[in-house]
Amino acid sequence: MLRMTLFRGLALLVMTLPTRLLGAGGGGAGIVIVADSRQFTGWKAWWTNLYNESHLWFAIATILIIPSLGLLLGRLTDFLMSKLGINLKSRVLAEH
């Protein structure tokens, strides 16, 4: 029992030793990721400022906007194709 506990302790020491030795440097400063919004105006400035202020709200806005735009573009394409006479709602096979 003592031998197994000693073996486990030694194995734990061997596994954590590289992280202790290689990561022994001084604590560095955290990386700050920002977007340069000085040249933007309008919605581009709003978008970059949203990214700089809160990554959470940026992610939520992205998750809401991308499917909404996909739906809008899909509906617009379907409308334009139906006006051109291309019907994609019913499937008629043209095979002979």
PDB file of N, CA and C in Angstrom:
ATOM      1  N   MET A   1       0.833  -1.191   0.000  1.00  0.00           N
ATOM      2  CA  MET A   1       0.000   0.000   0.000  1.00  0.00           C
ATOM      3  C   MET A   1       0.877   1.254   0.000  1.00  0.00           C
ATOM      4  N   LEU A   2       1.856   1.274   0.862  1.00  0.00           N
ATOM      5  CA  LEU A   2       2.770   2.411   0.928  1.00  0.00           C
ATOM      6  C   LEU A   2       3.561   2.528  -0.365  1.00  0.00           C
ATOM      7  N   ARG A   3       3.928   1.382  -0.907  1.00  0.00           N
ATOM      8  CA  ARG A   3       4.698   1.373  -2.142  1.00  0.00           C
ATOM      9  C   ARG A   3       3.871   1.968  -3.292  1.00  0.00           C
ATOM     10  N   MET A   4       2.571   1.616  -3.368  1.00  0.00           N
ATOM     11  CA  MET A   4       1.697   2.134  -4.420  1.00  0.00           C
ATOM     12  C   MET A   4       1.491   3.642  -4.253  1.00  0.00           C
ATOM     13  N   THR A   5       1.299   4.110  -3.044  1.00  0.00           N
ATOM     14  CA  THR A   5       1.133   5.538  -2.783  1.00  0.00           C
ATOM     15  C   THR A   5       2.397   6.294  -3.152  1.00  0.00           C
ATOM     16  N   LEU A   6       3.544   5.738  -2.821  1.00  0.00           N
ATOM     17  CA  LEU A   6       4.817   6.355  -3.162  1.00  0.00           C
ATOM     18  C   LEU A   6       4.992   6.408  -4.681  1.00  0.00           C
ATOM     19  N   PHE A   7       4.617   5.325  -5.359  1.00  0.00           N
ATOM     20  CA  PHE A   7       4.708   5.275  -6.815  1.00  0.00           C
ATOM     21  C   PHE A   7       3.801   6.329  -7.457  1.00  0.00           C
ATOM     22  N   ARG A   8       2.587   6.476  -6.949  1.00  0.00           N
ATOM     23  CA  ARG A   8       1.657   7.480  -7.490  1.00  0.00           C
ATOM     24  C   ARG A   8       2.178   8.896  -7.249  1.00  0.00           C
ATOM     25  N   GLY A   9       2.707   9.126  -6.078  1.00  0.00           N
ATOM     26  CA  GLY A   9       3.272  10.440  -5.781  1.00  0.00           C
ATOM     27  C   GLY A   9       4.447  10.763  -6.681  1.00  0.00           C
ATOM     28  N   LEU A  10       5.316   9.781  -6.922  1.00  0.00           N
ATOM     29  CA  LEU A  10       6.455   9.977  -7.810  1.00  0.00           C
ATOM     30  C   LEU A  10       5.992  10.206  -9.250  1.00  0.00           C
ATOM     31  N   ALA A  11       4.966   9.471  -9.687  1.00  0.00           N
ATOM     32  CA  ALA A  11       4.423   9.659 -11.036  1.00  0.00           C
ATOM     33  C   ALA A  11       3.827  11.055 -11.185  1.00  0.00           C
ATOM     34  N   LEU A  12       3.132  11.528 -10.173  1.00  0.00           N
ATOM     35  CA  LEU A  12       2.568  12.877 -10.202  1.00  0.00           C
ATOM     36  C   LEU A  12       3.670  13.922 -10.264  1.00  0.00           C
ATOM     37  N   LEU A  13       4.730  13.710  -9.521  1.00  0.00           N
ATOM     38  CA  LEU A  13       5.865  14.633  -9.532  1.00  0.00           C
ATOM     39  C   LEU A  13       6.509  14.675 -10.908  1.00  0.00           C
ATOM     40  N   VAL A  14       6.692  13.510 -11.521  1.00  0.00           N
ATOM     41  CA  VAL A  14       7.308  13.447 -12.847  1.00  0.00           C
ATOM     42  C   VAL A  14       6.423  14.128 -13.890  1.00  0.00           C
ATOM     43  N   MET A  15       5.098  13.992 -13.771  1.00  0.00           N
ATOM     44  CA  MET A  15       4.197  14.620 -14.742  1.00  0.00           C
ATOM     45  C   MET A  15       4.129  16.131 -14.578  1.00  0.00           C
ATOM     46  N   THR A  16       4.236  16.632 -13.363  1.00  0.00           N
ATOM     47  CA  THR A  16       4.126  18.074 -13.150  1.00  0.00           C
ATOM     48  C   THR A  16       5.466  18.780 -13.191  1.00  0.00           C
ATOM     49  N   LEU A  17       6.547  18.051 -13.192  1.00  0.00           N
ATOM     50  CA  LEU A  17       7.870  18.664 -13.203  1.00  0.00           C
ATOM     51  C   LEU A  17       8.115  19.526 -14.440  1.00  0.00           C
ATOM     52  N   PRO A  18       7.812  19.062 -15.665  1.00  0.00           N
ATOM     53  CA  PRO A  18       8.048  19.926 -16.823  1.00  0.00           C
ATOM     54  C   PRO A  18       7.263  21.234 -16.767  1.00  0.00           C
ATOM     55  N   THR A  19       6.041  21.201 -16.261  1.00  0.00           N
ATOM     56  CA  THR A  19       5.280  22.447 -16.186  1.00  0.00           C
ATOM     57  C   THR A  19       5.877  23.387 -15.155  1.00  0.00           C
ATOM     58  N   ARG A  20       6.428  22.846 -14.111  1.00  0.00           N
ATOM     59  CA  ARG A  20       7.062  23.684 -13.093  1.00  0.00           C
ATOM     60  C   ARG A  20       8.363  24.283 -13.612  1.00  0.00           C
ATOM     61  N   LEU A  21       9.125  23.492 -14.352  1.00  0.00           N
ATOM     62  CA  LEU A  21      10.404  23.979 -14.850  1.00  0.00           C
ATOM     63  C   LEU A  21      10.245  24.899 -16.050  1.00  0.00           C
ATOM     64  N   LEU A  22       9.414  24.511 -17.005  1.00  0.00           N
ATOM     65  CA  LEU A  22       9.258  25.307 -18.216  1.00  0.00           C
ATOM     66  C   LEU A  22       8.408  26.551 -17.989  1.00  0.00           C
ATOM     67  N   GLY A  23       7.504  26.486 -17.063  1.00  0.00           N
ATOM     68  CA  GLY A  23       6.637  27.624 -16.794  1.00  0.00           C
ATOM     69  C   GLY A  23       7.110  28.451 -15.619  1.00  0.00           C
ATOM     70  N   ALA A  24       8.405  28.431 -15.344  1.00  0.00           N
ATOM     71  CA  ALA A  24       8.917  29.109 -14.165  1.00  0.00           C
ATOM     72  C   ALA A  24       9.234  30.573 -14.411  1.00  0.00           C
ATOM     73  N   GLY A  25       8.951  31.068 -15.593  1.00  0.00           N
ATOM     74  CA  GLY A  25       9.249  32.460 -15.887  1.00  0.00           C
ATOM     75  C   GLY A  25       8.351  33.398 -15.104  1.00  0.00           C
ATOM     76  N   GLY A  26       8.676  34.665 -15.157  1.00  0.00           N
ATOM     77  CA  GLY A  26       7.883  35.663 -14.455  1.00  0.00           C
ATOM     78  C   GLY A  26       6.496  35.786 -15.055  1.00  0.00           C
ATOM     79  N   GLY A  27       5.574  36.255 -14.262  1.00  0.00           N
ATOM     80  CA  GLY A  27       4.202  36.422 -14.740  1.00  0.00           C
ATOM     81  C   GLY A  27       4.128  37.546 -15.744  1.00  0.00           C
ATOM     82  N   GLY A  28       3.725  37.231 -16.942  1.00  0.00           N
ATOM     83  CA  GLY A  28       3.626  38.234 -17.991  1.00  0.00           C
ATOM     84  C   GLY A  28       2.274  38.917 -17.977  1.00  0.00           C
ATOM     85  N   ALA A  29       2.182  39.970 -18.741  1.00  0.00           N
ATOM     86  CA  ALA A  29       0.922  40.696 -18.851  1.00  0.00           C
ATOM     87  C   ALA A  29      -0.022  39.933 -19.772  1.00  0.00           C
ATOM     88  N   GLY A  30      -1.303  40.061 -19.507  1.00  0.00           N
ATOM     89  CA  GLY A  30      -2.291  39.399 -20.345  1.00  0.00           C
ATOM     90  C   GLY A  30      -2.372  40.039 -21.716  1.00  0.00           C
ATOM     91  N   ILE A  31      -2.757  39.273 -22.699  1.00  0.00           N
ATOM     92  CA  ILE A  31      -2.888  39.780 -24.058  1.00  0.00           C
ATOM     93  C   ILE A  31      -4.242  40.472 -24.196  1.00  0.00           C
ATOM     94  N   VAL A  32      -4.227  41.650 -24.761  1.00  0.00           N
ATOM     95  CA  VAL A  32      -5.453  42.407 -24.992  1.00  0.00           C
ATOM     96  C   VAL A  32      -5.714  42.415 -26.492  1.00  0.00           C
ATOM     97  N   ILE A  33      -6.874  41.911 -26.892  1.00  0.00           N
ATOM     98  CA  ILE A  33      -7.229  41.844 -28.307  1.00  0.00           C
ATOM     99  C   ILE A  33      -8.269  42.920 -28.581  1.00  0.00           C
ATOM    100  N   VAL A  34      -7.905  43.872 -29.427  1.00  0.00           N
ATOM    101  CA  VAL A  34      -8.824  44.957 -29.770  1.00  0.00           C
ATOM    102  C   VAL A  34      -8.801  45.177 -31.275  1.00  0.00           C
ATOM    103  N   ALA A  35      -9.849  45.793 -31.764  1.00  0.00           N
ATOM    104  CA  ALA A  35      -9.932  46.167 -33.177  1.00  0.00           C
ATOM    105  C   ALA A  35      -9.780  47.681 -33.274  1.00  0.00           C
ATOM    106  N   ASP A  36      -9.066  48.132 -34.292  1.00  0.00           N
ATOM    107  CA  ASP A  36      -8.852  49.561 -34.499  1.00  0.00           C
ATOM    108  C   ASP A  36     -10.090  50.152 -35.163  1.00  0.00           C
ATOM    109  N   SER A  37     -10.806  50.976 -34.430  1.00  0.00           N
ATOM    110  CA  SER A  37     -12.065  51.526 -34.938  1.00  0.00           C
ATOM    111  C   SER A  37     -11.964  53.006 -35.278  1.00  0.00           C
ATOM    112  N   ARG A  38     -10.764  53.534 -35.394  1.00  0.00           N
ATOM    113  CA  ARG A  38     -10.626  54.971 -35.632  1.00  0.00           C
ATOM    114  C   ARG A  38     -11.083  55.403 -37.013  1.00  0.00           C
ATOM    115  N   GLN A  39     -10.905  54.566 -38.024  1.00  0.00           N
ATOM    116  CA  GLN A  39     -11.243  54.975 -39.386  1.00  0.00           C
ATOM    117  C   GLN A  39     -12.669  54.615 -39.784  1.00  0.00           C
ATOM    118  N   PHE A  40     -13.414  53.940 -38.906  1.00  0.00           N
ATOM    119  CA  PHE A  40     -14.761  53.497 -39.254  1.00  0.00           C
ATOM    120  C   PHE A  40     -15.814  54.501 -38.801  1.00  0.00           C
ATOM    121  N   THR A  41     -16.916  54.527 -39.555  1.00  0.00           N
ATOM    122  CA  THR A  41     -18.075  55.334 -39.169  1.00  0.00           C
ATOM    123  C   THR A  41     -19.321  54.475 -39.330  1.00  0.00           C
ATOM    124  N   GLY A  42     -20.391  54.908 -38.710  1.00  0.00           N
ATOM    125  CA  GLY A  42     -21.672  54.228 -38.869  1.00  0.00           C
ATOM    126  C   GLY A  42     -21.698  52.857 -38.235  1.00  0.00           C
ATOM    127  N   TRP A  43     -22.276  51.890 -38.970  1.00  0.00           N
ATOM    128  CA  TRP A  43     -22.456  50.555 -38.401  1.00  0.00           C
ATOM    129  C   TRP A  43     -21.131  49.828 -38.229  1.00  0.00           C
ATOM    130  N   LYS A  44     -20.129  50.148 -39.061  1.00  0.00           N
ATOM    131  CA  LYS A  44     -18.817  49.514 -38.888  1.00  0.00           C
ATOM    132  C   LYS A  44     -18.174  49.959 -37.575  1.00  0.00           C
ATOM    133  N   ALA A  45     -18.331  51.232 -37.238  1.00  0.00           N
ATOM    134  CA  ALA A  45     -17.800  51.725 -35.964  1.00  0.00           C
ATOM    135  C   ALA A  45     -18.540  51.085 -34.797  1.00  0.00           C
ATOM    136  N   TRP A  46     -19.851  50.943 -34.927  1.00  0.00           N
ATOM    137  CA  TRP A  46     -20.623  50.289 -33.863  1.00  0.00           C
ATOM    138  C   TRP A  46     -20.173  48.851 -33.682  1.00  0.00           C
ATOM    139  N   TRP A  47     -19.968  48.154 -34.795  1.00  0.00           N
ATOM    140  CA  TRP A  47     -19.575  46.741 -34.746  1.00  0.00           C
ATOM    141  C   TRP A  47     -18.203  46.574 -34.089  1.00  0.00           C
ATOM    142  N   THR A  48     -17.222  47.404 -34.475  1.00  0.00           N
ATOM    143  CA  THR A  48     -15.887  47.286 -33.875  1.00  0.00           C
ATOM    144  C   THR A  48     -15.902  47.718 -32.418  1.00  0.00           C
ATOM    145  N   ASN A  49     -16.675  48.722 -32.074  1.00  0.00           N
ATOM    146  CA  ASN A  49     -16.769  49.121 -30.668  1.00  0.00           C
ATOM    147  C   ASN A  49     -17.445  48.042 -29.830  1.00  0.00           C
ATOM    148  N   LEU A  50     -18.440  47.376 -30.391  1.00  0.00           N
ATOM    149  CA  LEU A  50     -19.077  46.265 -29.689  1.00  0.00           C
ATOM    150  C   LEU A  50     -18.068  45.148 -29.448  1.00  0.00           C
ATOM    151  N   TYR A  51     -17.224  44.870 -30.440  1.00  0.00           N
ATOM    152  CA  TYR A  51     -16.177  43.851 -30.298  1.00  0.00           C
ATOM    153  C   TYR A  51     -15.183  44.243 -29.209  1.00  0.00           C
ATOM    154  N   ASN A  52     -14.814  45.517 -29.172  1.00  0.00           N
ATOM    155  CA  ASN A  52     -13.833  45.978 -28.185  1.00  0.00           C
ATOM    156  C   ASN A  52     -14.398  46.001 -26.771  1.00  0.00           C
ATOM    157  N   GLU A  53     -15.673  46.318 -26.635  1.00  0.00           N
ATOM    158  CA  GLU A  53     -16.248  46.476 -25.304  1.00  0.00           C
ATOM    159  C   GLU A  53     -16.658  45.159 -24.668  1.00  0.00           C
ATOM    160  N   SER A  54     -17.269  44.271 -25.425  1.00  0.00           N
ATOM    161  CA  SER A  54     -17.761  43.028 -24.840  1.00  0.00           C
ATOM    162  C   SER A  54     -17.772  41.921 -25.885  1.00  0.00           C
ATOM    163  N   HIS A  55     -16.906  40.943 -25.690  1.00  0.00           N
ATOM    164  CA  HIS A  55     -16.882  39.816 -26.621  1.00  0.00           C
ATOM    165  C   HIS A  55     -18.158  38.983 -26.505  1.00  0.00           C
ATOM    166  N   LEU A  56     -18.774  38.980 -25.333  1.00  0.00           N
ATOM    167  CA  LEU A  56     -20.015  38.228 -25.154  1.00  0.00           C
ATOM    168  C   LEU A  56     -21.136  38.817 -26.006  1.00  0.00           C
ATOM    169  N   TRP A  57     -21.348  40.129 -25.928  1.00  0.00           N
ATOM    170  CA  TRP A  57     -22.415  40.754 -26.714  1.00  0.00           C
ATOM    171  C   TRP A  57     -22.104  40.704 -28.203  1.00  0.00           C
ATOM    172  N   PHE A  58     -20.813  40.771 -28.556  1.00  0.00           N
ATOM    173  CA  PHE A  58     -20.415  40.623 -29.950  1.00  0.00           C
ATOM    174  C   PHE A  58     -20.797  39.237 -30.461  1.00  0.00           C
ATOM    175  N   ALA A  59     -20.546  38.213 -29.660  1.00  0.00           N
ATOM    176  CA  ALA A  59     -20.884  36.840 -30.056  1.00  0.00           C
ATOM    177  C   ALA A  59     -22.394  36.660 -30.162  1.00  0.00           C
ATOM    178  N   ILE A  60     -23.138  37.212 -29.213  1.00  0.00           N
ATOM    179  CA  ILE A  60     -24.601  37.096 -29.251  1.00  0.00           C
ATOM    180  C   ILE A  60     -25.164  37.803 -30.480  1.00  0.00           C
ATOM    181  N   ALA A  61     -24.661  39.006 -30.765  1.00  0.00           N
ATOM    182  CA  ALA A  61     -25.128  39.740 -31.944  1.00  0.00           C
ATOM    183  C   ALA A  61     -24.792  38.982 -33.222  1.00  0.00           C
ATOM    184  N   THR A  62     -23.605  38.393 -33.280  1.00  0.00           N
ATOM    185  CA  THR A  62     -23.208  37.621 -34.458  1.00  0.00           C
ATOM    186  C   THR A  62     -24.105  36.408 -34.648  1.00  0.00           C
ATOM    187  N   ILE A  63     -24.402  35.718 -33.549  1.00  0.00           N
ATOM    188  CA  ILE A  63     -25.256  34.531 -33.616  1.00  0.00           C
ATOM    189  C   ILE A  63     -26.664  34.894 -34.071  1.00  0.00           C
ATOM    190  N   LEU A  64     -27.137  36.065 -33.722  1.00  0.00           N
ATOM    191  CA  LEU A  64     -28.475  36.488 -34.146  1.00  0.00           C
ATOM    192  C   LEU A  64     -28.492  37.041 -35.569  1.00  0.00           C
ATOM    193  N   ILE A  65     -27.454  37.763 -35.947  1.00  0.00           N
ATOM    194  CA  ILE A  65     -27.449  38.447 -37.240  1.00  0.00           C
ATOM    195  C   ILE A  65     -27.219  37.486 -38.405  1.00  0.00           C
ATOM    196  N   ILE A  66     -26.285  36.553 -38.272  1.00  0.00           N
ATOM    197  CA  ILE A  66     -25.939  35.689 -39.407  1.00  0.00           C
ATOM    198  C   ILE A  66     -27.117  34.828 -39.873  1.00  0.00           C
ATOM    199  N   PRO A  67     -27.834  34.116 -38.991  1.00  0.00           N
ATOM    200  CA  PRO A  67     -28.993  33.356 -39.490  1.00  0.00           C
ATOM    201  C   PRO A  67     -30.110  34.251 -40.026  1.00  0.00           C
ATOM    202  N   SER A  68     -30.283  35.424 -39.420  1.00  0.00           N
ATOM    203  CA  SER A  68     -31.320  36.345 -39.905  1.00  0.00           C
ATOM    204  C   SER A  68     -31.009  36.814 -41.322  1.00  0.00           C
ATOM    205  N   LEU A  69     -29.751  37.161 -41.574  1.00  0.00           N
ATOM    206  CA  LEU A  69     -29.376  37.573 -42.927  1.00  0.00           C
ATOM    207  C   LEU A  69     -29.470  36.411 -43.909  1.00  0.00           C
ATOM    208  N   GLY A  70     -29.132  35.213 -43.467  1.00  0.00           N
ATOM    209  CA  GLY A  70     -29.276  34.037 -44.324  1.00  0.00           C
ATOM    210  C   GLY A  70     -30.722  33.804 -44.707  1.00  0.00           C
ATOM    211  N   LEU A  71     -31.624  33.943 -43.745  1.00  0.00           N
ATOM    212  CA  LEU A  71     -33.051  33.788 -44.017  1.00  0.00           C
ATOM    213  C   LEU A  71     -33.539  34.869 -44.977  1.00  0.00           C
ATOM    214  N   LEU A  72     -33.118  36.107 -44.739  1.00  0.00           N
ATOM    215  CA  LEU A  72     -33.519  37.216 -45.601  1.00  0.00           C
ATOM    216  C   LEU A  72     -33.026  37.009 -47.031  1.00  0.00           C
ATOM    217  N   LEU A  73     -31.766  36.638 -47.196  1.00  0.00           N
ATOM    218  CA  LEU A  73     -31.226  36.429 -48.540  1.00  0.00           C
ATOM    219  C   LEU A  73     -31.869  35.221 -49.221  1.00  0.00           C
ATOM    220  N   GLY A  74     -32.174  34.184 -48.464  1.00  0.00           N
ATOM    221  CA  GLY A  74     -32.849  33.019 -49.032  1.00  0.00           C
ATOM    222  C   GLY A  74     -34.236  33.356 -49.521  1.00  0.00           C
ATOM    223  N   ARG A  75     -34.976  34.107 -48.726  1.00  0.00           N
ATOM    224  CA  ARG A  75     -36.332  34.520 -49.136  1.00  0.00           C
ATOM    225  C   ARG A  75     -36.282  35.431 -50.364  1.00  0.00           C
ATOM    226  N   LEU A  76     -35.320  36.352 -50.367  1.00  0.00           N
ATOM    227  CA  LEU A  76     -35.176  37.258 -51.506  1.00  0.00           C
ATOM    228  C   LEU A  76     -34.823  36.481 -52.775  1.00  0.00           C
ATOM    229  N   THR A  77     -33.925  35.526 -52.666  1.00  0.00           N
ATOM    230  CA  THR A  77     -33.553  34.702 -53.818  1.00  0.00           C
ATOM    231  C   THR A  77     -34.731  33.874 -54.301  1.00  0.00           C
ATOM    232  N   ASP A  78     -35.484  33.298 -53.378  1.00  0.00           N
ATOM    233  CA  ASP A  78     -36.664  32.511 -53.750  1.00  0.00           C
ATOM    234  C   ASP A  78     -37.691  33.382 -54.471  1.00  0.00           C
ATOM    235  N   PHE A  79     -37.879  34.595 -53.987  1.00  0.00           N
ATOM    236  CA  PHE A  79     -38.816  35.526 -54.620  1.00  0.00           C
ATOM    237  C   PHE A  79     -38.362  35.881 -56.032  1.00  0.00           C
ATOM    238  N   LEU A  80     -37.082  36.212 -56.185  1.00  0.00           N
ATOM    239  CA  LEU A  80     -36.567  36.590 -57.502  1.00  0.00           C
ATOM    240  C   LEU A  80     -36.612  35.416 -58.480  1.00  0.00           C
ATOM    241  N   MET A  81     -36.315  34.220 -58.021  1.00  0.00           N
ATOM    242  CA  MET A  81     -36.355  33.052 -58.909  1.00  0.00           C
ATOM    243  C   MET A  81     -37.785  32.726 -59.322  1.00  0.00           C
ATOM    244  N   SER A  82     -38.746  32.921 -58.422  1.00  0.00           N
ATOM    245  CA  SER A  82     -40.142  32.675 -58.801  1.00  0.00           C
ATOM    246  C   SER A  82     -40.611  33.711 -59.819  1.00  0.00           C
ATOM    247  N   LYS A  83     -40.111  34.933 -59.734  1.00  0.00           N
ATOM    248  CA  LYS A  83     -40.460  35.958 -60.723  1.00  0.00           C
ATOM    249  C   LYS A  83     -39.838  35.655 -62.082  1.00  0.00           C
ATOM    250  N   LEU A  84     -38.700  34.959 -62.072  1.00  0.00           N
ATOM    251  CA  LEU A  84     -38.059  34.564 -63.327  1.00  0.00           C
ATOM    252  C   LEU A  84     -38.690  33.316 -63.931  1.00  0.00           C
ATOM    253  N   GLY A  85     -39.565  32.670 -63.188  1.00  0.00           N
ATOM    254  CA  GLY A  85     -40.239  31.483 -63.686  1.00  0.00           C
ATOM    255  C   GLY A  85     -39.593  30.184 -63.249  1.00  0.00           C
ATOM    256  N   ILE A  86     -38.647  30.256 -62.354  1.00  0.00           N
ATOM    257  CA  ILE A  86     -38.002  29.047 -61.849  1.00  0.00           C
ATOM    258  C   ILE A  86     -38.725  28.647 -60.574  1.00  0.00           C
ATOM    259  N   ASN A  87     -39.368  27.482 -60.612  1.00  0.00           N
ATOM    260  CA  ASN A  87     -40.145  27.026 -59.469  1.00  0.00           C
ATOM    261  C   ASN A  87     -39.361  25.950 -58.726  1.00  0.00           C
ATOM    262  N   LEU A  88     -38.919  26.257 -57.542  1.00  0.00           N
ATOM    263  CA  LEU A  88     -38.174  25.298 -56.737  1.00  0.00           C
ATOM    264  C   LEU A  88     -39.037  24.665 -55.655  1.00  0.00           C
ATOM    265  N   LYS A  89     -40.306  25.058 -55.578  1.00  0.00           N
ATOM    266  CA  LYS A  89     -41.166  24.527 -54.522  1.00  0.00           C
ATOM    267  C   LYS A  89     -41.704  23.144 -54.862  1.00  0.00           C
ATOM    268  N   SER A  90     -41.868  22.855 -56.139  1.00  0.00           N
ATOM    269  CA  SER A  90     -42.336  21.522 -56.528  1.00  0.00           C
ATOM    270  C   SER A  90     -41.245  20.851 -57.353  1.00  0.00           C
ATOM    271  N   ARG A  91     -41.138  19.566 -57.169  1.00  0.00           N
ATOM    272  CA  ARG A  91     -40.092  18.826 -57.860  1.00  0.00           C
ATOM    273  C   ARG A  91     -40.720  18.039 -59.011  1.00  0.00           C
ATOM    274  N   VAL A  92     -40.355  18.410 -60.202  1.00  0.00           N
ATOM    275  CA  VAL A  92     -40.811  17.701 -61.387  1.00  0.00           C
ATOM    276  C   VAL A  92     -39.567  17.164 -62.078  1.00  0.00           C
ATOM    277  N   LEU A  93     -39.499  15.853 -62.211  1.00  0.00           N
ATOM    278  CA  LEU A  93     -38.339  15.255 -62.852  1.00  0.00           C
ATOM    279  C   LEU A  93     -38.445  15.396 -64.362  1.00  0.00           C
ATOM    280  N   ALA A  94     -37.396  15.846 -64.979  1.00  0.00           N
ATOM    281  CA  ALA A  94     -37.385  16.035 -66.425  1.00  0.00           C
ATOM    282  C   ALA A  94     -36.602  14.932 -67.115  1.00  0.00           C
ATOM    283  N   GLU A  95     -36.540  13.787 -66.510  1.00  0.00           N
ATOM    284  CA  GLU A  95     -35.795  12.684 -67.107  1.00  0.00           C
ATOM    285  C   GLU A  95     -36.670  11.946 -68.103  1.00  0.00           C
ATOM    286  N   HIS A  96     -36.059  11.403 -69.128  1.00  0.00           N
ATOM    287  CA  HIS A  96     -36.799  10.672 -70.151  1.00  0.00           C
ATOM    288  C   HIS A  96     -36.566   9.202 -70.005  1.00  0.00           C
TER     289      HIS A  96
END
